[in-house]
Amino acid sequence: MEAIQKKLNGVNLDGLFGTIEVIREKPEIAAFQFRARNQWIDGSHNRTTIKEFYGGCQEDTSRTAPFVFDNDEPPILLGENKGANPVEFILHGLAGCLTTSMVLHAAALGIPVKKVESTLEGDLDVQGLLGLDDSVRNGYEGIRVTFRIEGDLTEEQKEELVKIATQRSPVFDIVSNPVPVQVRLQQD
């Protein structure tokens, strides 16, 4: 007889708690390395391919096809709208990670959620990236995230889920704190 999986918010609870327990017993399993490859196409259009990653002490083979993302700029920034621009992908990554963190932690806490929506806005002054004013940063000056959560939850529970999401989201951490980034040129 097949075991019935307990799910909450679409999350396999046995899998979630089982994974936590395995990592607690063998912390080296928690080390992951994600990878992306990018190739310039034309103008401001370039393409990123994501497939392989390392996790659980081994190379992952679960993905049979790569994920492909086109990056471009809108015409006002000299592009042709062949994809979202990279700073928009940052908003996408932040939204996805906050939402995933929120829903997984809600499931772990036994809190059913019916719907989660978010709106993100990032303010960027292009004078910095164009080299017109060195006092203006190249990236976002600020990002605002607004969540709408539906379900049989109190306002306090909703606020707690938003707090947990910001405390546990890797992308929130990445955009909120300096991350050492090494850039080098491959020698031919």
N, C-alpha and C. Protein backbone atom coordinates (compact mmCIF):
# COMPACT_ATOMS: atom_id res chain seq x y z
N MET A 1 0.84 -1.18 0.00
CA MET A 1 0.00 0.00 0.00
C MET A 1 0.89 1.24 0.00
N GLU A 2 0.57 2.19 -0.86
CA GLU A 2 1.35 3.40 -1.02
C GLU A 2 1.09 4.36 0.14
N ALA A 3 2.18 4.93 0.67
CA ALA A 3 2.05 5.87 1.78
C ALA A 3 1.42 7.17 1.28
N ILE A 4 0.56 7.75 2.09
CA ILE A 4 -0.08 9.02 1.75
C ILE A 4 0.80 10.15 2.25
N GLN A 5 1.12 11.07 1.34
CA GLN A 5 1.93 12.21 1.71
C GLN A 5 1.06 13.28 2.36
N LYS A 6 1.54 13.80 3.47
CA LYS A 6 0.86 14.93 4.10
C LYS A 6 1.38 16.20 3.44
N LYS A 7 0.45 17.01 2.93
CA LYS A 7 0.83 18.25 2.27
C LYS A 7 0.08 19.41 2.90
N LEU A 8 0.76 20.54 2.95
CA LEU A 8 0.16 21.80 3.37
C LEU A 8 0.75 22.88 2.48
N ASN A 9 -0.08 23.69 1.89
CA ASN A 9 0.35 24.73 0.96
C ASN A 9 1.12 24.15 -0.23
N GLY A 10 0.80 22.90 -0.58
CA GLY A 10 1.49 22.23 -1.68
C GLY A 10 2.85 21.69 -1.31
N VAL A 11 3.21 21.74 -0.04
CA VAL A 11 4.52 21.31 0.45
C VAL A 11 4.40 19.92 1.07
N ASN A 12 5.24 18.99 0.65
CA ASN A 12 5.31 17.65 1.22
C ASN A 12 5.94 17.78 2.61
N LEU A 13 5.14 17.70 3.64
CA LEU A 13 5.63 17.91 5.00
C LEU A 13 6.61 16.83 5.45
N ASP A 14 6.35 15.57 5.08
CA ASP A 14 7.29 14.50 5.44
C ASP A 14 8.65 14.76 4.78
N GLY A 15 8.62 15.19 3.53
CA GLY A 15 9.87 15.51 2.83
C GLY A 15 10.58 16.69 3.45
N LEU A 16 9.82 17.72 3.81
CA LEU A 16 10.40 18.91 4.44
C LEU A 16 11.09 18.56 5.75
N PHE A 17 10.35 17.91 6.65
CA PHE A 17 10.92 17.59 7.96
C PHE A 17 12.00 16.52 7.86
N GLY A 18 11.86 15.60 6.90
CA GLY A 18 12.90 14.60 6.66
C GLY A 18 14.20 15.23 6.20
N THR A 19 14.09 16.20 5.29
CA THR A 19 15.28 16.91 4.80
C THR A 19 15.96 17.66 5.94
N ILE A 20 15.17 18.34 6.75
CA ILE A 20 15.72 19.09 7.89
C ILE A 20 16.48 18.14 8.82
N GLU A 21 15.91 16.99 9.09
CA GLU A 21 16.54 16.03 10.00
C GLU A 21 17.84 15.47 9.42
N VAL A 22 17.84 15.15 8.13
CA VAL A 22 19.05 14.63 7.49
C VAL A 22 20.16 15.67 7.53
N ILE A 23 19.83 16.93 7.25
CA ILE A 23 20.84 17.99 7.28
C ILE A 23 21.33 18.23 8.71
N ARG A 24 20.44 18.11 9.67
CA ARG A 24 20.84 18.27 11.08
C ARG A 24 21.87 17.20 11.44
N GLU A 25 21.68 15.98 10.95
CA GLU A 25 22.59 14.87 11.25
C GLU A 25 23.88 14.92 10.42
N LYS A 26 23.79 15.47 9.22
CA LYS A 26 24.94 15.50 8.31
C LYS A 26 25.01 16.88 7.65
N PRO A 27 25.53 17.91 8.35
CA PRO A 27 25.50 19.29 7.88
C PRO A 27 26.18 19.53 6.53
N GLU A 28 27.13 18.68 6.14
CA GLU A 28 27.82 18.88 4.87
C GLU A 28 26.86 18.77 3.67
N ILE A 29 25.72 18.14 3.86
CA ILE A 29 24.72 18.02 2.80
C ILE A 29 24.15 19.40 2.45
N ALA A 30 24.25 20.34 3.35
CA ALA A 30 23.66 21.66 3.15
C ALA A 30 24.44 22.55 2.18
N ALA A 31 25.65 22.16 1.79
CA ALA A 31 26.47 22.99 0.90
C ALA A 31 26.01 22.83 -0.56
N PHE A 32 25.60 23.93 -1.16
CA PHE A 32 25.15 23.96 -2.55
C PHE A 32 25.99 24.92 -3.36
N GLN A 33 26.11 24.67 -4.65
CA GLN A 33 26.72 25.62 -5.58
C GLN A 33 25.82 25.69 -6.80
N PHE A 34 25.27 26.88 -7.05
CA PHE A 34 24.43 27.09 -8.22
C PHE A 34 25.27 27.77 -9.30
N ARG A 35 24.92 27.53 -10.56
CA ARG A 35 25.72 28.01 -11.68
C ARG A 35 24.84 28.59 -12.77
N ALA A 36 25.37 29.54 -13.48
CA ALA A 36 24.70 30.12 -14.63
C ALA A 36 25.75 30.41 -15.70
N ARG A 37 25.36 30.25 -16.95
CA ARG A 37 26.23 30.58 -18.08
C ARG A 37 25.51 31.63 -18.92
N ASN A 38 26.25 32.64 -19.34
CA ASN A 38 25.66 33.73 -20.10
C ASN A 38 26.43 33.93 -21.39
N GLN A 39 25.69 34.30 -22.45
CA GLN A 39 26.32 34.59 -23.74
C GLN A 39 25.66 35.82 -24.34
N TRP A 40 26.49 36.74 -24.78
CA TRP A 40 26.02 37.95 -25.45
C TRP A 40 25.47 37.58 -26.82
N ILE A 41 24.33 38.14 -27.20
CA ILE A 41 23.70 37.89 -28.49
C ILE A 41 23.96 39.07 -29.43
N ASP A 42 23.43 40.26 -29.05
CA ASP A 42 23.59 41.45 -29.88
C ASP A 42 23.08 42.65 -29.09
N GLY A 43 23.72 43.79 -29.25
CA GLY A 43 23.29 44.98 -28.53
C GLY A 43 23.27 44.73 -27.04
N SER A 44 22.13 44.99 -26.40
CA SER A 44 22.03 44.72 -24.96
C SER A 44 21.36 43.37 -24.69
N HIS A 45 21.15 42.58 -25.74
CA HIS A 45 20.51 41.27 -25.62
C HIS A 45 21.55 40.20 -25.30
N ASN A 46 21.32 39.46 -24.24
CA ASN A 46 22.17 38.32 -23.89
C ASN A 46 21.30 37.24 -23.28
N ARG A 47 21.84 36.04 -23.19
CA ARG A 47 21.04 34.89 -22.78
C ARG A 47 21.78 34.12 -21.69
N THR A 48 21.04 33.77 -20.64
CA THR A 48 21.58 32.99 -19.55
C THR A 48 20.94 31.60 -19.56
N THR A 49 21.79 30.59 -19.40
CA THR A 49 21.34 29.20 -19.34
C THR A 49 21.69 28.65 -17.97
N ILE A 50 20.72 27.99 -17.34
CA ILE A 50 20.93 27.42 -16.01
C ILE A 50 20.48 25.97 -16.05
N LYS A 51 21.37 25.08 -15.65
CA LYS A 51 20.98 23.67 -15.58
C LYS A 51 21.66 22.97 -14.41
N GLU A 52 22.97 22.81 -14.47
CA GLU A 52 23.69 22.03 -13.47
C GLU A 52 23.84 22.80 -12.16
N PHE A 53 23.84 22.04 -11.07
CA PHE A 53 24.22 22.59 -9.78
C PHE A 53 24.71 21.44 -8.90
N TYR A 54 25.40 21.83 -7.83
CA TYR A 54 25.91 20.86 -6.86
C TYR A 54 25.08 21.00 -5.60
N GLY A 55 24.60 19.88 -5.06
CA GLY A 55 23.84 19.92 -3.81
C GLY A 55 23.68 18.52 -3.25
N GLY A 56 23.57 18.42 -1.95
CA GLY A 56 23.42 17.12 -1.32
C GLY A 56 24.66 16.25 -1.50
N CYS A 57 25.82 16.88 -1.54
CA CYS A 57 27.13 16.20 -1.68
C CYS A 57 27.32 15.54 -3.05
N GLN A 58 26.63 16.04 -4.07
CA GLN A 58 26.81 15.48 -5.41
C GLN A 58 26.32 16.44 -6.48
N GLU A 59 26.75 16.19 -7.73
CA GLU A 59 26.22 16.94 -8.86
C GLU A 59 24.78 16.50 -9.07
N ASP A 60 23.90 17.45 -9.25
CA ASP A 60 22.49 17.14 -9.46
C ASP A 60 22.26 16.73 -10.91
N THR A 61 21.43 15.72 -11.12
CA THR A 61 21.09 15.27 -12.47
C THR A 61 19.58 15.27 -12.71
N SER A 62 18.84 15.97 -11.88
CA SER A 62 17.37 15.95 -11.98
C SER A 62 16.84 16.77 -13.15
N ARG A 63 17.62 17.70 -13.65
CA ARG A 63 17.14 18.57 -14.72
C ARG A 63 17.54 17.98 -16.08
N THR A 64 16.56 17.66 -16.88
CA THR A 64 16.85 17.09 -18.19
C THR A 64 17.05 18.16 -19.25
N ALA A 65 16.54 19.36 -19.02
CA ALA A 65 16.69 20.47 -19.96
C ALA A 65 17.05 21.72 -19.18
N PRO A 66 17.81 22.61 -19.79
CA PRO A 66 18.18 23.84 -19.09
C PRO A 66 17.03 24.85 -19.05
N PHE A 67 17.11 25.76 -18.11
CA PHE A 67 16.24 26.93 -18.07
C PHE A 67 16.98 28.02 -18.83
N VAL A 68 16.29 28.71 -19.73
CA VAL A 68 16.92 29.73 -20.56
C VAL A 68 16.21 31.06 -20.33
N PHE A 69 16.98 32.09 -20.04
CA PHE A 69 16.44 33.42 -19.76
C PHE A 69 17.11 34.45 -20.66
N ASP A 70 16.30 35.17 -21.41
CA ASP A 70 16.84 36.25 -22.23
C ASP A 70 16.81 37.54 -21.44
N ASN A 71 17.91 38.29 -21.52
CA ASN A 71 18.05 39.59 -20.88
C ASN A 71 18.14 40.64 -21.98
N ASP A 72 17.47 41.74 -21.83
CA ASP A 72 17.59 42.85 -22.76
C ASP A 72 17.20 44.12 -22.00
N GLU A 73 17.11 45.19 -22.70
CA GLU A 73 16.69 46.46 -22.13
C GLU A 73 15.51 46.99 -22.93
N PRO A 74 14.71 47.85 -22.33
CA PRO A 74 13.66 48.50 -23.11
C PRO A 74 14.30 49.51 -24.08
N PRO A 75 13.57 49.91 -25.12
CA PRO A 75 14.14 50.84 -26.10
C PRO A 75 14.69 52.13 -25.48
N ILE A 76 14.06 52.65 -24.42
CA ILE A 76 14.55 53.88 -23.81
C ILE A 76 15.96 53.70 -23.23
N LEU A 77 16.34 52.43 -22.97
CA LEU A 77 17.69 52.12 -22.49
C LEU A 77 18.48 51.37 -23.56
N LEU A 78 18.15 51.63 -24.83
CA LEU A 78 18.87 51.16 -26.01
C LEU A 78 18.72 49.68 -26.31
N GLY A 79 17.67 49.07 -25.80
CA GLY A 79 17.42 47.66 -26.08
C GLY A 79 16.25 47.46 -27.01
N GLU A 80 15.84 46.21 -27.14
CA GLU A 80 14.74 45.86 -28.04
C GLU A 80 13.67 45.01 -27.33
N ASN A 81 13.63 45.03 -26.01
CA ASN A 81 12.64 44.30 -25.22
C ASN A 81 12.59 42.81 -25.54
N LYS A 82 13.74 42.19 -25.74
CA LYS A 82 13.78 40.75 -26.02
C LYS A 82 13.79 39.93 -24.73
N GLY A 83 13.70 40.61 -23.62
CA GLY A 83 13.65 39.96 -22.31
C GLY A 83 13.63 41.04 -21.24
N ALA A 84 13.32 40.63 -20.03
CA ALA A 84 13.40 41.56 -18.91
C ALA A 84 14.85 41.99 -18.74
N ASN A 85 15.06 43.17 -18.17
CA ASN A 85 16.45 43.57 -17.96
C ASN A 85 16.97 42.97 -16.65
N PRO A 86 18.28 42.94 -16.47
CA PRO A 86 18.85 42.26 -15.30
C PRO A 86 18.34 42.78 -13.95
N VAL A 87 18.09 44.09 -13.82
CA VAL A 87 17.60 44.58 -12.54
C VAL A 87 16.15 44.13 -12.30
N GLU A 88 15.40 43.89 -13.38
CA GLU A 88 14.06 43.32 -13.22
C GLU A 88 14.15 41.86 -12.79
N PHE A 89 15.17 41.14 -13.27
CA PHE A 89 15.37 39.76 -12.82
C PHE A 89 15.71 39.72 -11.33
N ILE A 90 16.39 40.74 -10.83
CA ILE A 90 16.65 40.81 -9.38
C ILE A 90 15.32 40.88 -8.63
N LEU A 91 14.39 41.70 -9.12
CA LEU A 91 13.08 41.78 -8.47
C LEU A 91 12.36 40.44 -8.55
N HIS A 92 12.45 39.78 -9.70
CA HIS A 92 11.85 38.45 -9.87
C HIS A 92 12.45 37.46 -8.88
N GLY A 93 13.78 37.45 -8.77
CA GLY A 93 14.43 36.54 -7.84
C GLY A 93 14.05 36.82 -6.40
N LEU A 94 13.98 38.09 -6.05
CA LEU A 94 13.61 38.47 -4.69
C LEU A 94 12.16 38.07 -4.39
N ALA A 95 11.26 38.34 -5.32
CA ALA A 95 9.85 37.98 -5.13
C ALA A 95 9.70 36.47 -4.98
N GLY A 96 10.35 35.72 -5.86
CA GLY A 96 10.24 34.27 -5.81
C GLY A 96 10.80 33.69 -4.53
N CYS A 97 11.93 34.21 -4.10
CA CYS A 97 12.58 33.66 -2.91
C CYS A 97 11.81 34.02 -1.64
N LEU A 98 11.35 35.26 -1.54
CA LEU A 98 10.54 35.64 -0.37
C LEU A 98 9.27 34.80 -0.29
N THR A 99 8.61 34.64 -1.44
CA THR A 99 7.37 33.87 -1.47
C THR A 99 7.62 32.41 -1.10
N THR A 100 8.64 31.81 -1.69
CA THR A 100 8.96 30.41 -1.39
C THR A 100 9.30 30.25 0.08
N SER A 101 10.13 31.14 0.61
CA SER A 101 10.49 31.07 2.03
C SER A 101 9.25 31.19 2.90
N MET A 102 8.37 32.10 2.56
CA MET A 102 7.15 32.31 3.34
C MET A 102 6.27 31.06 3.33
N VAL A 103 6.02 30.51 2.16
CA VAL A 103 5.10 29.37 2.04
C VAL A 103 5.68 28.12 2.70
N LEU A 104 6.96 27.87 2.52
CA LEU A 104 7.57 26.70 3.15
C LEU A 104 7.54 26.80 4.67
N HIS A 105 7.86 27.98 5.19
CA HIS A 105 7.84 28.15 6.64
C HIS A 105 6.42 28.13 7.18
N ALA A 106 5.46 28.65 6.42
CA ALA A 106 4.06 28.56 6.85
C ALA A 106 3.66 27.09 6.96
N ALA A 107 4.05 26.29 5.98
CA ALA A 107 3.73 24.85 6.02
C ALA A 107 4.37 24.20 7.23
N ALA A 108 5.63 24.52 7.49
CA ALA A 108 6.34 23.93 8.63
C ALA A 108 5.68 24.31 9.95
N LEU A 109 5.10 25.49 10.00
CA LEU A 109 4.42 25.95 11.22
C LEU A 109 2.96 25.51 11.28
N GLY A 110 2.49 24.81 10.23
CA GLY A 110 1.11 24.34 10.21
C GLY A 110 0.11 25.42 9.87
N ILE A 111 0.56 26.47 9.19
CA ILE A 111 -0.32 27.58 8.83
C ILE A 111 -0.75 27.43 7.38
N PRO A 112 -2.05 27.17 7.14
CA PRO A 112 -2.52 27.07 5.75
C PRO A 112 -2.63 28.45 5.10
N VAL A 113 -2.14 28.55 3.88
CA VAL A 113 -2.20 29.79 3.12
C VAL A 113 -2.93 29.50 1.82
N LYS A 114 -3.87 30.36 1.45
CA LYS A 114 -4.62 30.15 0.20
C LYS A 114 -3.98 30.89 -0.97
N LYS A 115 -3.44 32.08 -0.72
CA LYS A 115 -2.92 32.89 -1.81
C LYS A 115 -1.87 33.86 -1.28
N VAL A 116 -0.78 34.00 -2.05
CA VAL A 116 0.25 34.99 -1.73
C VAL A 116 0.55 35.76 -3.01
N GLU A 117 0.46 37.05 -2.94
CA GLU A 117 0.82 37.92 -4.06
C GLU A 117 1.77 38.99 -3.53
N SER A 118 2.65 39.45 -4.39
CA SER A 118 3.54 40.53 -3.99
C SER A 118 3.74 41.50 -5.15
N THR A 119 4.02 42.72 -4.78
CA THR A 119 4.37 43.78 -5.74
C THR A 119 5.72 44.31 -5.31
N LEU A 120 6.62 44.40 -6.28
CA LEU A 120 7.96 44.91 -5.99
C LEU A 120 8.26 46.12 -6.86
N GLU A 121 8.90 47.10 -6.26
CA GLU A 121 9.33 48.30 -6.97
C GLU A 121 10.77 48.59 -6.58
N GLY A 122 11.59 48.86 -7.57
CA GLY A 122 12.98 49.21 -7.33
C GLY A 122 13.31 50.53 -7.98
N ASP A 123 13.94 51.43 -7.24
CA ASP A 123 14.29 52.76 -7.75
C ASP A 123 15.74 52.77 -8.18
N LEU A 124 15.96 53.18 -9.43
CA LEU A 124 17.31 53.19 -10.00
C LEU A 124 17.50 54.48 -10.79
N ASP A 125 18.58 55.18 -10.53
CA ASP A 125 18.95 56.40 -11.25
C ASP A 125 20.05 56.02 -12.23
N VAL A 126 19.78 56.08 -13.52
CA VAL A 126 20.74 55.60 -14.53
C VAL A 126 21.95 56.51 -14.70
N GLN A 127 21.98 57.66 -14.02
CA GLN A 127 23.17 58.52 -14.10
C GLN A 127 24.42 57.78 -13.60
N GLY A 128 24.22 56.90 -12.62
CA GLY A 128 25.36 56.14 -12.10
C GLY A 128 25.91 55.18 -13.12
N LEU A 129 25.06 54.32 -13.69
CA LEU A 129 25.55 53.32 -14.63
C LEU A 129 26.05 53.94 -15.93
N LEU A 130 25.56 55.13 -16.28
CA LEU A 130 26.05 55.82 -17.48
C LEU A 130 27.34 56.60 -17.22
N GLY A 131 27.81 56.61 -15.97
CA GLY A 131 29.04 57.32 -15.63
C GLY A 131 28.88 58.83 -15.63
N LEU A 132 27.66 59.33 -15.50
CA LEU A 132 27.43 60.77 -15.51
C LEU A 132 27.60 61.41 -14.14
N ASP A 133 27.42 60.63 -13.10
CA ASP A 133 27.53 61.16 -11.74
C ASP A 133 28.03 60.05 -10.83
N ASP A 134 29.28 60.16 -10.41
CA ASP A 134 29.87 59.12 -9.56
C ASP A 134 29.28 59.06 -8.16
N SER A 135 28.51 60.06 -7.77
CA SER A 135 27.87 60.03 -6.45
C SER A 135 26.58 59.22 -6.47
N VAL A 136 26.12 58.83 -7.65
CA VAL A 136 24.89 58.03 -7.79
C VAL A 136 25.30 56.58 -7.93
N ARG A 137 24.75 55.72 -7.10
CA ARG A 137 25.11 54.30 -7.19
C ARG A 137 24.58 53.70 -8.49
N ASN A 138 25.24 52.65 -8.95
CA ASN A 138 24.86 51.99 -10.21
C ASN A 138 23.59 51.15 -10.06
N GLY A 139 23.35 50.65 -8.87
CA GLY A 139 22.22 49.74 -8.66
C GLY A 139 21.04 50.42 -8.00
N TYR A 140 20.15 49.59 -7.52
CA TYR A 140 18.95 50.10 -6.86
C TYR A 140 19.31 50.97 -5.66
N GLU A 141 18.60 52.09 -5.55
CA GLU A 141 18.72 52.94 -4.38
C GLU A 141 17.81 52.45 -3.26
N GLY A 142 16.80 51.70 -3.63
CA GLY A 142 15.86 51.12 -2.67
C GLY A 142 14.90 50.19 -3.37
N ILE A 143 14.41 49.21 -2.64
CA ILE A 143 13.42 48.26 -3.15
C ILE A 143 12.30 48.19 -2.13
N ARG A 144 11.07 48.21 -2.63
CA ARG A 144 9.89 48.08 -1.77
C ARG A 144 9.13 46.81 -2.17
N VAL A 145 8.76 46.02 -1.18
CA VAL A 145 8.00 44.80 -1.41
C VAL A 145 6.72 44.90 -0.59
N THR A 146 5.59 44.66 -1.24
CA THR A 146 4.30 44.65 -0.57
C THR A 146 3.66 43.29 -0.79
N PHE A 147 3.29 42.62 0.30
CA PHE A 147 2.66 41.30 0.22
C PHE A 147 1.17 41.41 0.48
N ARG A 148 0.44 40.52 -0.17
CA ARG A 148 -0.98 40.31 0.10
C ARG A 148 -1.12 38.81 0.34
N ILE A 149 -1.58 38.46 1.54
CA ILE A 149 -1.71 37.06 1.92
C ILE A 149 -3.17 36.78 2.23
N GLU A 150 -3.68 35.70 1.63
CA GLU A 150 -5.06 35.29 1.89
C GLU A 150 -5.07 33.92 2.55
N GLY A 151 -6.01 33.74 3.42
CA GLY A 151 -6.19 32.48 4.11
C GLY A 151 -6.84 32.74 5.46
N ASP A 152 -7.03 31.70 6.20
CA ASP A 152 -7.63 31.82 7.52
C ASP A 152 -6.52 32.14 8.52
N LEU A 153 -5.96 33.35 8.39
CA LEU A 153 -4.85 33.79 9.22
C LEU A 153 -5.21 35.10 9.90
N THR A 154 -4.64 35.31 11.07
CA THR A 154 -4.79 36.61 11.73
C THR A 154 -3.77 37.57 11.11
N GLU A 155 -3.96 38.84 11.36
CA GLU A 155 -3.00 39.84 10.87
C GLU A 155 -1.62 39.58 11.50
N GLU A 156 -1.61 39.14 12.74
CA GLU A 156 -0.34 38.84 13.42
C GLU A 156 0.38 37.68 12.72
N GLN A 157 -0.36 36.65 12.31
CA GLN A 157 0.25 35.53 11.60
C GLN A 157 0.80 35.97 10.25
N LYS A 158 0.05 36.83 9.55
CA LYS A 158 0.53 37.35 8.27
C LYS A 158 1.83 38.14 8.46
N GLU A 159 1.85 39.00 9.47
CA GLU A 159 3.05 39.79 9.75
C GLU A 159 4.22 38.88 10.12
N GLU A 160 3.94 37.84 10.89
CA GLU A 160 4.99 36.88 11.27
C GLU A 160 5.54 36.16 10.03
N LEU A 161 4.68 35.79 9.10
CA LEU A 161 5.15 35.12 7.88
C LEU A 161 6.02 36.04 7.03
N VAL A 162 5.65 37.31 6.95
CA VAL A 162 6.48 38.27 6.21
C VAL A 162 7.84 38.41 6.90
N LYS A 163 7.83 38.49 8.21
CA LYS A 163 9.08 38.60 8.98
C LYS A 163 9.96 37.37 8.76
N ILE A 164 9.37 36.19 8.84
CA ILE A 164 10.12 34.95 8.63
C ILE A 164 10.70 34.92 7.22
N ALA A 165 9.90 35.35 6.23
CA ALA A 165 10.38 35.35 4.85
C ALA A 165 11.63 36.21 4.70
N THR A 166 11.63 37.38 5.31
CA THR A 166 12.81 38.25 5.19
C THR A 166 13.99 37.71 5.99
N GLN A 167 13.72 36.98 7.07
CA GLN A 167 14.80 36.40 7.88
C GLN A 167 15.44 35.19 7.21
N ARG A 168 14.68 34.45 6.39
CA ARG A 168 15.16 33.17 5.86
C ARG A 168 15.40 33.15 4.35
N SER A 169 15.03 34.18 3.63
CA SER A 169 15.20 34.22 2.18
C SER A 169 16.66 34.48 1.79
N PRO A 170 17.29 33.54 1.06
CA PRO A 170 18.65 33.78 0.59
C PRO A 170 18.77 35.02 -0.30
N VAL A 171 17.81 35.26 -1.18
CA VAL A 171 17.91 36.42 -2.08
C VAL A 171 17.73 37.72 -1.30
N PHE A 172 16.84 37.74 -0.31
CA PHE A 172 16.72 38.93 0.53
C PHE A 172 18.06 39.22 1.20
N ASP A 173 18.71 38.17 1.69
CA ASP A 173 20.03 38.34 2.30
C ASP A 173 21.04 38.89 1.29
N ILE A 174 21.02 38.35 0.08
CA ILE A 174 21.97 38.77 -0.96
C ILE A 174 21.80 40.24 -1.31
N VAL A 175 20.56 40.70 -1.46
CA VAL A 175 20.36 42.10 -1.85
C VAL A 175 20.44 43.06 -0.67
N SER A 176 20.39 42.54 0.56
CA SER A 176 20.42 43.40 1.74
C SER A 176 21.81 43.52 2.36
N ASN A 177 22.71 42.62 2.02
CA ASN A 177 24.04 42.60 2.62
C ASN A 177 25.11 42.46 1.53
N PRO A 178 26.26 43.06 1.76
CA PRO A 178 27.33 42.91 0.77
C PRO A 178 27.73 41.43 0.61
N VAL A 179 27.91 41.02 -0.62
CA VAL A 179 28.34 39.66 -0.94
C VAL A 179 29.66 39.77 -1.71
N PRO A 180 30.71 39.07 -1.28
CA PRO A 180 31.95 39.12 -2.04
C PRO A 180 31.72 38.52 -3.43
N VAL A 181 32.06 39.28 -4.45
CA VAL A 181 31.93 38.81 -5.83
C VAL A 181 33.30 38.96 -6.50
N GLN A 182 33.80 37.88 -7.03
CA GLN A 182 35.07 37.91 -7.74
C GLN A 182 34.79 37.90 -9.23
N VAL A 183 35.37 38.84 -9.96
CA VAL A 183 35.23 38.90 -11.42
C VAL A 183 36.63 38.78 -12.00
N ARG A 184 36.79 37.85 -12.94
CA ARG A 184 38.11 37.67 -13.54
C ARG A 184 37.95 37.41 -15.02
N LEU A 185 39.01 37.59 -15.74
CA LEU A 185 39.06 37.31 -17.17
C LEU A 185 39.73 35.98 -17.39
N GLN A 186 39.07 35.08 -18.10
CA GLN A 186 39.67 33.79 -18.42
C GLN A 186 40.78 34.00 -19.44
N GLN A 187 41.93 33.47 -19.16
CA GLN A 187 43.07 33.61 -20.06
C GLN A 187 42.98 32.57 -21.18
N ASP A 188 43.18 33.01 -22.42
CA ASP A 188 43.13 32.07 -23.54
C ASP A 188 44.43 31.31 -23.68
